[in-house]
Amino acid sequence: MAKKPAPRSSKLSVYLYVPNIIGYIRVLLNCLAFSLCLRNKIIFPILYFFSFVCDAVDGWCARRFNQVSTFGAVLDMVTDRISTACLLVVLSQLYKPGLVFLSLLALDIGSHWFQMYSTFLAGKASHKDVKDSTNWLFRAYYGNRMFMAYCCVSCEVLSSNLQKITLISFLIGTSLFGWATKQIINVIQMKTAADMCVLYDIDKKHKH
């Protein structure tokens, strides 16, 4: 006897997935953090840190409860990019030369936009699917969760704690390598994705 197909999930049920609810909490934490960033330089990094923790927890929950969704992945990435953009804009106003932080912002957005579009052209389900990349560092970054987490945490720790000079200087020091690696990854990501877009155009012209 043929098995009955699984019941179709409603839109509301997907919006209410546990990892997506955590994503909404993360958005609220970011909004609160940036509303206080110039007035309270102690609460800001704490809220921003909890938001970053939520970023790790929602991925674990998605796998644990089998609630991986395209909406959740997009929400996660959009929140990442917006929170990073807001942080770098704030830092560009607090520290000179501000162009350094704005350049990092452009690199972050540009590399991820190229990566997402090249992923779409390649017909892949995730921008993290880089198994066919020829660059070992790029594969290591997206292929090893611990290494990726270290680089991301380093960037957040280094950036969010530039607003205060405390004993956290030790954390900042240990984060420098991860921060630098993440910027190199962004450059590699942009170049790799750009190459994929160019190759797509070449193959398209060749077929015609």
N, C-alpha and C. Protein backbone atom coordinates (compact mmCIF):
# COMPACT_ATOMS: atom_id res chain seq x y z
N MET A 1 0.84 -1.20 0.00
CA MET A 1 0.00 0.00 0.00
C MET A 1 0.88 1.25 0.00
N ALA A 2 0.58 2.15 -0.92
CA ALA A 2 1.41 3.34 -1.06
C ALA A 2 1.27 4.24 0.17
N LYS A 3 2.40 4.84 0.55
CA LYS A 3 2.38 5.74 1.70
C LYS A 3 1.71 7.05 1.33
N LYS A 4 0.97 7.60 2.27
CA LYS A 4 0.35 8.89 2.04
C LYS A 4 1.41 9.98 2.12
N PRO A 5 1.32 10.97 1.22
CA PRO A 5 2.31 12.06 1.28
C PRO A 5 2.18 12.83 2.58
N ALA A 6 3.32 13.32 3.06
CA ALA A 6 3.32 14.10 4.31
C ALA A 6 2.48 15.35 4.13
N PRO A 7 1.75 15.75 5.16
CA PRO A 7 0.91 16.96 5.05
C PRO A 7 1.75 18.18 4.73
N ARG A 8 1.21 19.02 3.87
CA ARG A 8 1.91 20.23 3.45
C ARG A 8 1.93 21.26 4.58
N SER A 9 3.12 21.80 4.86
CA SER A 9 3.24 22.80 5.92
C SER A 9 2.57 24.11 5.50
N SER A 10 1.95 24.77 6.45
CA SER A 10 1.34 26.07 6.17
C SER A 10 2.42 27.15 6.24
N LYS A 11 2.13 28.30 5.64
CA LYS A 11 3.10 29.40 5.69
C LYS A 11 3.37 29.83 7.13
N LEU A 12 2.30 29.86 7.93
CA LEU A 12 2.45 30.30 9.32
C LEU A 12 3.37 29.36 10.09
N SER A 13 3.26 28.06 9.83
CA SER A 13 4.09 27.10 10.57
C SER A 13 5.57 27.30 10.26
N VAL A 14 5.89 27.67 9.01
CA VAL A 14 7.28 27.93 8.65
C VAL A 14 7.78 29.20 9.34
N TYR A 15 6.94 30.23 9.35
CA TYR A 15 7.31 31.47 10.04
C TYR A 15 7.54 31.24 11.52
N LEU A 16 6.88 30.23 12.07
CA LEU A 16 6.98 29.96 13.50
C LEU A 16 7.95 28.82 13.83
N TYR A 17 8.78 28.44 12.88
CA TYR A 17 9.83 27.48 13.18
C TYR A 17 10.69 28.05 14.31
N VAL A 18 11.17 27.18 15.18
CA VAL A 18 12.00 27.62 16.31
C VAL A 18 13.20 28.47 15.86
N PRO A 19 14.00 28.03 14.85
CA PRO A 19 15.14 28.85 14.44
C PRO A 19 14.72 30.21 13.88
N ASN A 20 13.53 30.28 13.26
CA ASN A 20 13.07 31.56 12.72
C ASN A 20 12.64 32.50 13.84
N ILE A 21 12.04 31.95 14.89
CA ILE A 21 11.67 32.77 16.06
C ILE A 21 12.94 33.34 16.71
N ILE A 22 13.98 32.51 16.78
CA ILE A 22 15.26 32.99 17.31
C ILE A 22 15.80 34.10 16.41
N GLY A 23 15.57 33.96 15.11
CA GLY A 23 15.99 35.00 14.17
C GLY A 23 15.29 36.32 14.43
N TYR A 24 13.99 36.26 14.76
CA TYR A 24 13.25 37.48 15.07
C TYR A 24 13.79 38.14 16.35
N ILE A 25 14.10 37.29 17.33
CA ILE A 25 14.68 37.81 18.58
C ILE A 25 16.00 38.50 18.29
N ARG A 26 16.77 37.90 17.39
CA ARG A 26 18.05 38.48 17.01
C ARG A 26 17.88 39.86 16.38
N VAL A 27 16.87 40.00 15.53
CA VAL A 27 16.58 41.30 14.90
C VAL A 27 16.24 42.34 15.98
N LEU A 28 15.41 41.95 16.95
CA LEU A 28 15.02 42.87 18.03
C LEU A 28 16.23 43.27 18.88
N LEU A 29 17.11 42.29 19.15
CA LEU A 29 18.33 42.59 19.93
C LEU A 29 19.20 43.59 19.19
N ASN A 30 19.32 43.42 17.89
CA ASN A 30 20.13 44.34 17.08
C ASN A 30 19.53 45.74 17.08
N CYS A 31 18.21 45.81 16.93
CA CYS A 31 17.54 47.12 16.93
C CYS A 31 17.78 47.84 18.26
N LEU A 32 17.64 47.10 19.36
CA LEU A 32 17.85 47.69 20.68
C LEU A 32 19.31 48.08 20.87
N ALA A 33 20.22 47.21 20.42
CA ALA A 33 21.66 47.49 20.57
C ALA A 33 22.06 48.77 19.85
N PHE A 34 21.62 48.91 18.60
CA PHE A 34 22.04 50.07 17.82
C PHE A 34 21.31 51.35 18.24
N SER A 35 20.15 51.19 18.88
CA SER A 35 19.47 52.39 19.41
C SER A 35 20.22 52.94 20.61
N LEU A 36 21.05 52.09 21.24
CA LEU A 36 21.81 52.51 22.43
C LEU A 36 23.31 52.67 22.18
N CYS A 37 23.76 52.35 20.97
CA CYS A 37 25.21 52.25 20.71
C CYS A 37 26.00 53.51 21.02
N LEU A 38 25.40 54.68 20.84
CA LEU A 38 26.12 55.93 21.09
C LEU A 38 25.90 56.45 22.51
N ARG A 39 24.89 55.92 23.18
CA ARG A 39 24.56 56.39 24.53
C ARG A 39 25.10 55.48 25.63
N ASN A 40 25.18 54.20 25.32
CA ASN A 40 25.62 53.25 26.34
C ASN A 40 26.59 52.25 25.72
N LYS A 41 27.87 52.53 25.91
CA LYS A 41 28.90 51.71 25.27
C LYS A 41 29.22 50.44 26.04
N ILE A 42 28.50 50.20 27.11
CA ILE A 42 28.65 48.93 27.85
C ILE A 42 27.54 47.96 27.46
N ILE A 43 26.30 48.47 27.41
CA ILE A 43 25.16 47.62 27.06
C ILE A 43 25.22 47.20 25.59
N PHE A 44 25.70 48.12 24.73
CA PHE A 44 25.73 47.82 23.29
C PHE A 44 26.47 46.52 22.96
N PRO A 45 27.75 46.35 23.37
CA PRO A 45 28.44 45.11 23.02
C PRO A 45 27.81 43.86 23.63
N ILE A 46 27.16 44.03 24.79
CA ILE A 46 26.50 42.88 25.44
C ILE A 46 25.31 42.42 24.59
N LEU A 47 24.48 43.38 24.18
CA LEU A 47 23.33 43.05 23.33
C LEU A 47 23.78 42.49 21.99
N TYR A 48 24.81 43.10 21.43
CA TYR A 48 25.31 42.66 20.13
C TYR A 48 25.87 41.24 20.25
N PHE A 49 26.53 40.95 21.37
CA PHE A 49 27.07 39.62 21.59
C PHE A 49 25.96 38.58 21.67
N PHE A 50 24.88 38.90 22.41
CA PHE A 50 23.76 37.96 22.52
C PHE A 50 23.10 37.74 21.15
N SER A 51 23.05 38.79 20.36
CA SER A 51 22.53 38.65 19.01
C SER A 51 23.39 37.68 18.19
N PHE A 52 24.70 37.78 18.38
CA PHE A 52 25.61 36.90 17.66
C PHE A 52 25.47 35.46 18.13
N VAL A 53 25.25 35.27 19.43
CA VAL A 53 25.03 33.93 19.98
C VAL A 53 23.77 33.31 19.36
N CYS A 54 22.74 34.14 19.21
CA CYS A 54 21.50 33.67 18.59
C CYS A 54 21.76 33.17 17.17
N ASP A 55 22.71 33.80 16.49
CA ASP A 55 23.06 33.40 15.13
C ASP A 55 23.59 31.97 15.10
N ALA A 56 24.32 31.58 16.13
CA ALA A 56 24.84 30.22 16.20
C ALA A 56 23.76 29.24 16.64
N VAL A 57 22.92 29.68 17.58
CA VAL A 57 21.88 28.80 18.13
C VAL A 57 20.81 28.48 17.09
N ASP A 58 20.43 29.46 16.27
CA ASP A 58 19.35 29.19 15.31
C ASP A 58 19.75 28.12 14.30
N GLY A 59 21.03 28.10 13.90
CA GLY A 59 21.49 27.07 12.97
C GLY A 59 21.44 25.69 13.61
N TRP A 60 21.83 25.62 14.88
CA TRP A 60 21.79 24.34 15.59
C TRP A 60 20.35 23.85 15.72
N CYS A 61 19.44 24.76 16.05
CA CYS A 61 18.02 24.40 16.20
C CYS A 61 17.42 23.94 14.88
N ALA A 62 17.82 24.60 13.79
CA ALA A 62 17.29 24.22 12.48
C ALA A 62 17.64 22.77 12.15
N ARG A 63 18.88 22.38 12.46
CA ARG A 63 19.30 20.99 12.21
C ARG A 63 18.71 20.04 13.23
N ARG A 64 18.64 20.47 14.48
CA ARG A 64 18.16 19.60 15.56
C ARG A 64 16.68 19.25 15.40
N PHE A 65 15.87 20.24 15.02
CA PHE A 65 14.43 20.03 14.91
C PHE A 65 13.97 19.82 13.47
N ASN A 66 14.95 19.65 12.56
CA ASN A 66 14.63 19.44 11.14
C ASN A 66 13.75 20.58 10.62
N GLN A 67 14.15 21.80 10.93
CA GLN A 67 13.38 22.97 10.52
C GLN A 67 14.22 23.91 9.66
N VAL A 68 15.04 23.32 8.81
CA VAL A 68 15.82 24.11 7.86
C VAL A 68 14.87 24.67 6.81
N SER A 69 14.94 25.95 6.55
CA SER A 69 14.06 26.57 5.55
C SER A 69 14.80 27.64 4.76
N THR A 70 14.36 27.84 3.53
CA THR A 70 14.95 28.90 2.69
C THR A 70 14.71 30.26 3.32
N PHE A 71 13.51 30.47 3.86
CA PHE A 71 13.20 31.74 4.52
C PHE A 71 14.16 31.99 5.68
N GLY A 72 14.39 30.93 6.48
CA GLY A 72 15.29 31.07 7.63
C GLY A 72 16.70 31.39 7.21
N ALA A 73 17.16 30.76 6.12
CA ALA A 73 18.51 31.01 5.63
C ALA A 73 18.66 32.45 5.14
N VAL A 74 17.63 32.93 4.43
CA VAL A 74 17.66 34.32 3.93
C VAL A 74 17.58 35.30 5.09
N LEU A 75 16.69 35.03 6.05
CA LEU A 75 16.58 35.90 7.23
C LEU A 75 17.91 35.99 7.96
N ASP A 76 18.57 34.85 8.10
CA ASP A 76 19.84 34.79 8.80
C ASP A 76 20.90 35.62 8.08
N MET A 77 20.98 35.45 6.77
CA MET A 77 22.02 36.16 6.02
C MET A 77 21.74 37.67 5.95
N VAL A 78 20.48 38.03 5.74
CA VAL A 78 20.12 39.45 5.67
C VAL A 78 20.41 40.13 7.01
N THR A 79 20.07 39.44 8.11
CA THR A 79 20.34 39.99 9.44
C THR A 79 21.84 40.15 9.66
N ASP A 80 22.62 39.16 9.21
CA ASP A 80 24.08 39.24 9.30
C ASP A 80 24.60 40.49 8.60
N ARG A 81 24.17 40.65 7.35
CA ARG A 81 24.69 41.74 6.54
C ARG A 81 24.26 43.11 7.10
N ILE A 82 23.01 43.22 7.52
CA ILE A 82 22.53 44.51 8.04
C ILE A 82 23.22 44.86 9.36
N SER A 83 23.37 43.88 10.25
CA SER A 83 24.01 44.16 11.54
C SER A 83 25.48 44.53 11.35
N THR A 84 26.16 43.82 10.44
CA THR A 84 27.55 44.16 10.15
C THR A 84 27.66 45.55 9.53
N ALA A 85 26.74 45.86 8.61
CA ALA A 85 26.74 47.17 7.96
C ALA A 85 26.52 48.28 8.98
N CYS A 86 25.55 48.10 9.87
CA CYS A 86 25.27 49.12 10.88
C CYS A 86 26.47 49.33 11.80
N LEU A 87 27.10 48.22 12.19
CA LEU A 87 28.26 48.31 13.08
C LEU A 87 29.40 49.08 12.42
N LEU A 88 29.68 48.77 11.16
CA LEU A 88 30.78 49.43 10.47
C LEU A 88 30.48 50.91 10.21
N VAL A 89 29.22 51.23 9.97
CA VAL A 89 28.85 52.64 9.78
C VAL A 89 29.05 53.41 11.09
N VAL A 90 28.64 52.82 12.20
CA VAL A 90 28.83 53.45 13.51
C VAL A 90 30.32 53.68 13.77
N LEU A 91 31.13 52.65 13.52
CA LEU A 91 32.57 52.77 13.74
C LEU A 91 33.21 53.82 12.83
N SER A 92 32.66 53.96 11.61
CA SER A 92 33.21 54.96 10.68
C SER A 92 32.97 56.38 11.18
N GLN A 93 31.94 56.55 12.02
CA GLN A 93 31.65 57.86 12.59
C GLN A 93 32.44 58.14 13.87
N LEU A 94 32.85 57.06 14.52
CA LEU A 94 33.57 57.20 15.80
C LEU A 94 35.08 57.26 15.63
N TYR A 95 35.60 56.61 14.60
CA TYR A 95 37.05 56.50 14.43
C TYR A 95 37.47 56.96 13.04
N LYS A 96 38.61 57.58 12.97
CA LYS A 96 39.17 58.05 11.70
C LYS A 96 40.40 57.22 11.34
N PRO A 97 40.63 56.96 10.05
CA PRO A 97 39.79 57.37 8.93
C PRO A 97 38.58 56.45 8.76
N GLY A 98 37.41 57.06 8.65
CA GLY A 98 36.17 56.30 8.50
C GLY A 98 36.12 55.49 7.22
N LEU A 99 36.93 55.90 6.24
CA LEU A 99 36.92 55.20 4.95
C LEU A 99 37.34 53.74 5.11
N VAL A 100 38.17 53.45 6.11
CA VAL A 100 38.61 52.06 6.35
C VAL A 100 37.40 51.18 6.64
N PHE A 101 36.53 51.64 7.54
CA PHE A 101 35.35 50.85 7.92
C PHE A 101 34.35 50.78 6.77
N LEU A 102 34.20 51.87 6.02
CA LEU A 102 33.29 51.86 4.88
C LEU A 102 33.80 50.94 3.77
N SER A 103 35.12 50.85 3.63
CA SER A 103 35.70 49.93 2.64
C SER A 103 35.44 48.48 3.03
N LEU A 104 35.54 48.19 4.33
CA LEU A 104 35.24 46.84 4.82
C LEU A 104 33.77 46.52 4.62
N LEU A 105 32.91 47.53 4.79
CA LEU A 105 31.48 47.36 4.56
C LEU A 105 31.21 47.01 3.09
N ALA A 106 31.84 47.77 2.18
CA ALA A 106 31.66 47.51 0.75
C ALA A 106 32.15 46.12 0.37
N LEU A 107 33.29 45.71 0.95
CA LEU A 107 33.84 44.38 0.67
C LEU A 107 32.89 43.29 1.16
N ASP A 108 32.36 43.46 2.36
CA ASP A 108 31.45 42.45 2.93
C ASP A 108 30.19 42.29 2.09
N ILE A 109 29.54 43.41 1.75
CA ILE A 109 28.31 43.35 0.97
C ILE A 109 28.59 42.86 -0.45
N GLY A 110 29.64 43.41 -1.06
CA GLY A 110 29.97 43.03 -2.43
C GLY A 110 30.29 41.56 -2.58
N SER A 111 31.11 41.03 -1.67
CA SER A 111 31.52 39.62 -1.78
C SER A 111 30.34 38.68 -1.59
N HIS A 112 29.45 39.01 -0.65
CA HIS A 112 28.29 38.14 -0.41
C HIS A 112 27.25 38.25 -1.52
N TRP A 113 27.12 39.43 -2.09
CA TRP A 113 26.18 39.59 -3.21
C TRP A 113 26.66 38.78 -4.41
N PHE A 114 27.94 38.88 -4.72
CA PHE A 114 28.50 38.09 -5.82
C PHE A 114 28.33 36.60 -5.55
N GLN A 115 28.61 36.20 -4.30
CA GLN A 115 28.52 34.78 -3.95
C GLN A 115 27.09 34.26 -4.09
N MET A 116 26.11 35.04 -3.63
CA MET A 116 24.71 34.62 -3.73
C MET A 116 24.28 34.51 -5.19
N TYR A 117 24.69 35.46 -6.00
CA TYR A 117 24.26 35.44 -7.40
C TYR A 117 24.93 34.30 -8.16
N SER A 118 26.20 34.06 -7.89
CA SER A 118 26.90 32.96 -8.55
C SER A 118 26.33 31.61 -8.12
N THR A 119 25.89 31.53 -6.85
CA THR A 119 25.24 30.31 -6.35
C THR A 119 23.95 30.05 -7.12
N PHE A 120 23.20 31.13 -7.38
CA PHE A 120 21.96 31.03 -8.15
C PHE A 120 22.24 30.54 -9.57
N LEU A 121 23.28 31.09 -10.19
CA LEU A 121 23.63 30.69 -11.55
C LEU A 121 24.05 29.22 -11.63
N ALA A 122 24.73 28.77 -10.57
CA ALA A 122 25.22 27.39 -10.54
C ALA A 122 24.14 26.39 -10.15
N GLY A 123 22.97 26.90 -9.74
CA GLY A 123 21.87 26.03 -9.36
C GLY A 123 22.07 25.34 -8.03
N LYS A 124 22.89 25.94 -7.17
CA LYS A 124 23.15 25.35 -5.85
C LYS A 124 22.10 25.83 -4.85
N ALA A 125 21.89 25.03 -3.82
CA ALA A 125 20.88 25.36 -2.81
C ALA A 125 21.41 26.32 -1.76
N SER A 126 22.73 26.37 -1.57
CA SER A 126 23.30 27.21 -0.52
C SER A 126 24.56 27.90 -1.01
N HIS A 127 24.77 29.14 -0.56
CA HIS A 127 25.98 29.87 -0.92
C HIS A 127 27.21 29.29 -0.22
N LYS A 128 26.97 28.38 0.75
CA LYS A 128 28.07 27.77 1.48
C LYS A 128 28.58 26.50 0.79
N ASP A 129 27.95 26.12 -0.31
CA ASP A 129 28.37 24.93 -1.05
C ASP A 129 29.52 25.32 -1.98
N VAL A 130 30.75 25.15 -1.49
CA VAL A 130 31.94 25.55 -2.26
C VAL A 130 32.90 24.37 -2.43
N LYS A 131 32.35 23.15 -2.41
CA LYS A 131 33.20 21.95 -2.52
C LYS A 131 34.01 21.93 -3.81
N ASP A 132 33.48 22.56 -4.87
CA ASP A 132 34.18 22.55 -6.16
C ASP A 132 35.17 23.69 -6.32
N SER A 133 35.34 24.52 -5.27
CA SER A 133 36.28 25.63 -5.35
C SER A 133 37.72 25.11 -5.35
N THR A 134 38.58 25.79 -6.08
CA THR A 134 39.99 25.40 -6.14
C THR A 134 40.81 26.04 -5.02
N ASN A 135 40.20 26.95 -4.26
CA ASN A 135 40.93 27.64 -3.19
C ASN A 135 40.73 26.90 -1.87
N TRP A 136 41.82 26.42 -1.28
CA TRP A 136 41.73 25.60 -0.06
C TRP A 136 41.21 26.39 1.13
N LEU A 137 41.57 27.68 1.22
CA LEU A 137 41.14 28.49 2.35
C LEU A 137 39.63 28.73 2.28
N PHE A 138 39.14 28.95 1.08
CA PHE A 138 37.71 29.16 0.86
C PHE A 138 36.92 27.91 1.24
N ARG A 139 37.43 26.74 0.83
CA ARG A 139 36.77 25.47 1.17
C ARG A 139 36.83 25.22 2.68
N ALA A 140 37.97 25.55 3.29
CA ALA A 140 38.13 25.34 4.73
C ALA A 140 37.16 26.21 5.52
N TYR A 141 36.98 27.44 5.07
CA TYR A 141 36.10 28.38 5.77
C TYR A 141 34.65 27.89 5.79
N TYR A 142 34.12 27.54 4.63
CA TYR A 142 32.73 27.10 4.55
C TYR A 142 32.55 25.63 4.90
N GLY A 143 33.63 24.86 4.87
CA GLY A 143 33.53 23.43 5.14
C GLY A 143 33.75 23.04 6.59
N ASN A 144 34.33 23.95 7.38
CA ASN A 144 34.62 23.64 8.79
C ASN A 144 33.89 24.65 9.68
N ARG A 145 32.85 24.20 10.36
CA ARG A 145 32.03 25.11 11.17
C ARG A 145 32.83 25.80 12.27
N MET A 146 33.79 25.08 12.87
CA MET A 146 34.57 25.65 13.95
C MET A 146 35.46 26.79 13.45
N PHE A 147 36.10 26.56 12.30
CA PHE A 147 36.97 27.59 11.71
C PHE A 147 36.15 28.81 11.29
N MET A 148 35.00 28.55 10.69
CA MET A 148 34.12 29.64 10.27
C MET A 148 33.63 30.43 11.49
N ALA A 149 33.26 29.71 12.55
CA ALA A 149 32.78 30.36 13.77
C ALA A 149 33.88 31.23 14.38
N TYR A 150 35.12 30.71 14.39
CA TYR A 150 36.24 31.47 14.95
C TYR A 150 36.44 32.79 14.19
N CYS A 151 36.43 32.71 12.87
CA CYS A 151 36.63 33.92 12.05
C CYS A 151 35.51 34.92 12.27
N CYS A 152 34.26 34.43 12.30
CA CYS A 152 33.11 35.33 12.49
C CYS A 152 33.11 35.96 13.88
N VAL A 153 33.37 35.13 14.90
CA VAL A 153 33.42 35.64 16.26
C VAL A 153 34.53 36.68 16.40
N SER A 154 35.67 36.42 15.77
CA SER A 154 36.80 37.35 15.83
C SER A 154 36.41 38.71 15.28
N CYS A 155 35.69 38.70 14.15
CA CYS A 155 35.27 39.96 13.54
C CYS A 155 34.32 40.72 14.47
N GLU A 156 33.38 39.99 15.08
CA GLU A 156 32.41 40.65 15.96
C GLU A 156 33.07 41.17 17.22
N VAL A 157 33.95 40.38 17.81
CA VAL A 157 34.64 40.80 19.05
C VAL A 157 35.50 42.02 18.79
N LEU A 158 36.27 41.97 17.70
CA LEU A 158 37.18 43.07 17.38
C LEU A 158 36.42 44.35 17.09
N SER A 159 35.33 44.23 16.31
CA SER A 159 34.58 45.42 15.92
C SER A 159 33.77 46.01 17.06
N SER A 160 33.02 45.16 17.76
CA SER A 160 32.13 45.67 18.80
C SER A 160 32.87 46.22 20.01
N ASN A 161 34.12 45.79 20.21
CA ASN A 161 34.86 46.23 21.39
C ASN A 161 35.84 47.36 21.10
N LEU A 162 35.81 47.89 19.88
CA LEU A 162 36.64 49.05 19.59
C LEU A 162 36.13 50.28 20.33
N GLN A 163 34.90 50.20 20.82
CA GLN A 163 34.31 51.35 21.48
C GLN A 163 34.78 51.51 22.92
N LYS A 164 35.47 50.51 23.43
CA LYS A 164 35.93 50.66 24.81
C LYS A 164 37.28 49.98 24.99
N ILE A 165 38.11 50.55 25.85
CA ILE A 165 39.43 49.97 26.12
C ILE A 165 39.40 49.39 27.52
N THR A 166 39.40 48.08 27.61
CA THR A 166 39.34 47.39 28.90
C THR A 166 40.25 46.18 28.83
N LEU A 167 40.08 45.26 29.78
CA LEU A 167 40.85 44.02 29.77
C LEU A 167 40.47 43.14 28.58
N ILE A 168 39.45 43.54 27.87
CA ILE A 168 39.02 42.78 26.69
C ILE A 168 40.09 42.92 25.60
N SER A 169 41.10 43.73 25.85
CA SER A 169 42.21 43.87 24.89
C SER A 169 42.82 42.51 24.55
N PHE A 170 42.82 41.62 25.51
CA PHE A 170 43.35 40.27 25.26
C PHE A 170 42.51 39.57 24.19
N LEU A 171 41.20 39.68 24.33
CA LEU A 171 40.32 39.07 23.33
C LEU A 171 40.52 39.69 21.96
N ILE A 172 40.72 40.99 21.96
CA ILE A 172 40.94 41.69 20.69
C ILE A 172 42.22 41.17 20.03
N GLY A 173 43.26 40.99 20.84
CA GLY A 173 44.52 40.48 20.30
C GLY A 173 44.38 39.11 19.68
N THR A 174 43.66 38.22 20.37
CA THR A 174 43.49 36.85 19.85
C THR A 174 42.53 36.83 18.67
N SER A 175 41.79 37.90 18.46
CA SER A 175 40.83 37.95 17.37
C SER A 175 41.42 38.49 16.07
N LEU A 176 42.59 39.12 16.16
CA LEU A 176 43.16 39.76 14.99
C LEU A 176 43.37 38.80 13.83
N PHE A 177 43.88 37.60 14.13
CA PHE A 177 44.12 36.62 13.07
C PHE A 177 42.81 36.21 12.39
N GLY A 178 41.79 35.92 13.20
CA GLY A 178 40.50 35.53 12.64
C GLY A 178 39.88 36.64 11.83
N TRP A 179 40.01 37.89 12.32
CA TRP A 179 39.47 39.04 11.59
C TRP A 179 40.14 39.20 10.24
N ALA A 180 41.47 39.10 10.24
CA ALA A 180 42.23 39.25 8.99
C ALA A 180 41.87 38.12 8.01
N THR A 181 41.72 36.90 8.54
CA THR A 181 41.36 35.77 7.70
C THR A 181 40.00 35.98 7.05
N LYS A 182 39.05 36.51 7.84
CA LYS A 182 37.70 36.76 7.31
C LYS A 182 37.73 37.76 6.18
N GLN A 183 38.57 38.79 6.27
CA GLN A 183 38.65 39.78 5.20
C GLN A 183 39.26 39.16 3.94
N ILE A 184 40.26 38.29 4.14
CA ILE A 184 40.87 37.59 3.00
C ILE A 184 39.83 36.69 2.34
N ILE A 185 39.01 36.02 3.16
CA ILE A 185 37.95 35.15 2.64
C ILE A 185 36.97 35.97 1.80
N ASN A 186 36.65 37.18 2.26
CA ASN A 186 35.73 38.04 1.51
C ASN A 186 36.29 38.37 0.13
N VAL A 187 37.60 38.65 0.07
CA VAL A 187 38.23 38.95 -1.21
C VAL A 187 38.19 37.72 -2.12
N ILE A 188 38.55 36.55 -1.55
CA ILE A 188 38.53 35.30 -2.32
C ILE A 188 37.13 34.99 -2.80
N GLN A 189 36.16 35.20 -1.91
CA GLN A 189 34.77 34.93 -2.26
C GLN A 189 34.30 35.79 -3.42
N MET A 190 34.65 37.06 -3.39
CA MET A 190 34.25 37.96 -4.47
C MET A 190 34.90 37.56 -5.79
N LYS A 191 36.21 37.25 -5.76
CA LYS A 191 36.91 36.87 -6.98
C LYS A 191 36.39 35.55 -7.53
N THR A 192 36.17 34.56 -6.66
CA THR A 192 35.67 33.26 -7.09
C THR A 192 34.28 33.39 -7.70
N ALA A 193 33.41 34.15 -7.04
CA ALA A 193 32.05 34.34 -7.53
C ALA A 193 32.03 35.12 -8.84
N ALA A 194 32.91 36.13 -8.95
CA ALA A 194 32.99 36.90 -10.19
C ALA A 194 33.44 36.01 -11.34
N ASP A 195 34.42 35.13 -11.07
CA ASP A 195 34.88 34.19 -12.10
C ASP A 195 33.74 33.29 -12.55
N MET A 196 32.91 32.85 -11.62
CA MET A 196 31.80 31.96 -11.95
C MET A 196 30.78 32.68 -12.83
N CYS A 197 30.54 33.96 -12.54
CA CYS A 197 29.61 34.75 -13.36
C CYS A 197 30.15 34.92 -14.78
N VAL A 198 31.47 35.19 -14.88
CA VAL A 198 32.10 35.35 -16.20
C VAL A 198 32.06 34.05 -16.98
N LEU A 199 32.36 32.93 -16.33
CA LEU A 199 32.33 31.63 -16.99
C LEU A 199 30.92 31.28 -17.45
N TYR A 200 29.92 31.68 -16.66
CA TYR A 200 28.53 31.46 -17.05
C TYR A 200 28.22 32.18 -18.36
N ASP A 201 28.68 33.45 -18.47
CA ASP A 201 28.45 34.22 -19.69
C ASP A 201 29.18 33.59 -20.88
N ILE A 202 30.42 33.14 -20.65
CA ILE A 202 31.20 32.52 -21.73
C ILE A 202 30.51 31.25 -22.23
N ASP A 203 30.06 30.41 -21.30
CA ASP A 203 29.37 29.16 -21.68
C ASP A 203 28.06 29.47 -22.40
N LYS A 204 27.38 30.50 -21.96
CA LYS A 204 26.09 30.88 -22.58
C LYS A 204 26.31 31.32 -24.03
N LYS A 205 27.37 32.11 -24.27
CA LYS A 205 27.66 32.55 -25.64
C LYS A 205 28.12 31.40 -26.51
N HIS A 206 28.89 30.49 -25.90
CA HIS A 206 29.41 29.34 -26.66
C HIS A 206 28.27 28.44 -27.12
N LYS A 207 27.24 28.26 -26.30
CA LYS A 207 26.11 27.41 -26.66
C LYS A 207 25.27 28.00 -27.78
N HIS A 208 25.28 29.33 -27.86
CA HIS A 208 24.51 30.00 -28.92
C HIS A 208 25.35 30.22 -30.19
